[in-house]
Amino acid sequence: MAQAESQQVQIDAKAQATAQAAAAKQIADATAKAEKAAAEKAAAAKKKAEAEAAQKAEAARLAELAKQYTLPTSSYTITGTFGQAGAMWSSGYHTGLDFAAPTGTLIKAVHSGTITEAGWAGAYGYRTILTLDDGTELWFCHQSSISATVGQKVATGDVIGRVGATGNVTGPHLHLEVHPGGQAEGIDPMSWLRGKGLTP
């Protein structure tokens, strides 16, 4: 009888120990799960805060850049974008950004730089090339008149010409091209302008 009771006590103690171990494991698992969730939440909050800070920093950078750059003309409508396909262009696609505006509308230097070309350029009509300090060339095409001369230093916003319809055109507009480093192939002026904090 005493032996049976002793065995029962051992069984009960073992069961209790097993139950306690299971409960401890459950608590440890729950604690680990809670800690993991808290860590993930903190990491997500940190990531969100970093993303917001980066977004604010980028907005501030673009706002600062926008003070140094300006759109080339005003009272315009964008009528042609970079990469449009068409038989009108010798390359088979449009190589710039078109700002349609009345003939005589002022054309301004997008940024400070040096006038490296000013004159007739065939299909481009009257064209002015403004070279920035980093070597980027901005081509202002189809002008009715040119107000700058080769070698002239210009500041952001200086008038360098007037919108026209010279060269290969269907109506008065400014055709703007962007050529980094003066390379023959241009890049999308819309993206370039947006990268300077401007919204055409």
Foldseek 3Di string as FASTA:
>chain_A
DVVVVVVVVVVVVVVVVVVVVVVVVVVVVVVVVVVVVVVVVVVVVVVVVVVVVVVVVLLVQLVVLPVQFDQFFPPWDWDFWFFDADPLDPVRTAQFIKTADDAFTFTWGGHKAFWADFQQDAQQGTWIWGAHPQQKIKIWGQFPFADDDGGDTDGHGHTGGTWHHGHRHPGTIITIFIDGNPDPGTDTVQVVQVSSNDHD
